[in-house]
Amino acid sequence: MHFLSHSTQETEAIGEELAQKLRGGDVLAFTGSLGMGKTAFTRGLARGLGCRGRVTSPTFTIVNEYEGDIPLFHF
């Protein structure tokens, strides 16, 4: 799957849209350099999964966990 985004808002919207296609147990892996929008994407994904907490980069943690309709683990 490939997506092209021109802004943080578009990146979040892509994450939110993709969340609607996911089911419990699905694994999503993506990579990118620092500042490429991984956390922005995850913010949208979390919103789409019904997660209510603030989404932050796991740069200095092992994993961030967000509770929602489907739990989200951000590595």
Protein backbone atom coordinates (compact mmCIF):
# COMPACT_ATOMS: atom_id res chain seq x y z
CA MET A 1 0.00 0.00 0.00
CA HIS A 2 1.28 3.47 -0.80
CA PHE A 3 -0.04 6.83 0.33
CA LEU A 4 1.15 10.32 -0.51
CA SER A 5 0.62 13.14 1.95
CA HIS A 6 1.43 16.82 1.65
CA SER A 7 0.70 17.85 5.24
CA THR A 8 0.41 16.65 8.81
CA GLN A 9 -3.37 16.88 8.50
CA GLU A 10 -3.39 14.67 5.41
CA THR A 11 -1.09 12.17 7.13
CA GLU A 12 -3.40 11.98 10.15
CA ALA A 13 -6.43 11.58 7.86
CA ILE A 14 -4.73 8.67 6.07
CA GLY A 15 -4.09 6.98 9.42
CA GLU A 16 -7.68 7.53 10.51
CA GLU A 17 -9.03 6.14 7.23
CA LEU A 18 -6.78 3.08 7.37
CA ALA A 19 -7.89 2.38 10.94
CA GLN A 20 -11.39 1.66 9.63
CA LYS A 21 -9.99 -1.29 7.67
CA LEU A 22 -8.11 -2.87 10.59
CA ARG A 23 -9.36 -5.64 12.85
CA GLY A 24 -8.10 -6.86 16.22
CA GLY A 25 -4.85 -8.77 15.78
CA ASP A 26 -3.80 -6.95 12.60
CA VAL A 27 -0.19 -5.80 12.52
CA LEU A 28 0.85 -2.65 10.70
CA ALA A 29 4.53 -1.87 10.21
CA PHE A 30 5.94 1.28 8.66
CA THR A 31 9.31 2.98 8.69
CA GLY A 32 10.66 6.41 7.97
CA SER A 33 13.36 8.85 8.91
CA LEU A 34 13.06 11.26 11.80
CA GLY A 35 10.34 13.82 11.07
CA MET A 36 8.69 11.83 8.27
CA GLY A 37 5.26 11.77 9.93
CA LYS A 38 5.18 8.39 11.65
CA THR A 39 3.70 9.84 14.83
CA ALA A 40 1.25 12.02 12.88
CA PHE A 41 0.10 8.89 11.08
CA THR A 42 -0.21 7.08 14.41
CA ARG A 43 -2.27 9.98 15.84
CA GLY A 44 -4.78 9.52 13.03
CA LEU A 45 -4.68 5.75 13.39
CA ALA A 46 -5.33 6.04 17.13
CA ARG A 47 -8.24 8.43 16.55
CA GLY A 48 -9.70 6.02 14.00
CA LEU A 49 -9.37 3.15 16.49
CA GLY A 50 -11.20 5.10 19.18
CA CYS A 51 -8.15 5.78 21.34
CA ARG A 52 -8.62 8.82 23.56
CA GLY A 53 -5.15 9.56 24.96
CA ARG A 54 -2.46 11.88 23.66
CA VAL A 55 -0.27 10.15 21.06
CA THR A 56 3.44 10.79 21.42
CA SER A 57 6.55 9.46 19.73
CA PRO A 58 8.02 6.36 21.38
CA THR A 59 11.54 7.68 20.70
CA PHE A 60 12.57 7.48 24.35
CA THR A 61 10.32 4.60 25.42
CA ILE A 62 10.08 1.00 24.34
CA VAL A 63 6.38 1.15 23.48
CA ASN A 64 3.41 3.48 23.90
CA GLU A 65 0.07 1.77 24.48
CA TYR A 66 -3.27 3.42 23.72
CA GLU A 67 -6.59 1.96 24.80
CA GLY A 68 -9.47 2.21 22.36
CA ASP A 69 -12.03 0.11 20.55
CA ILE A 70 -8.97 -1.79 19.31
CA PRO A 71 -5.82 -1.35 21.45
CA LEU A 72 -2.88 0.30 19.70
CA PHE A 73 0.77 -0.43 20.52
CA HIS A 74 3.18 2.16 19.08
CA PHE A 75 6.82 0.97 18.96
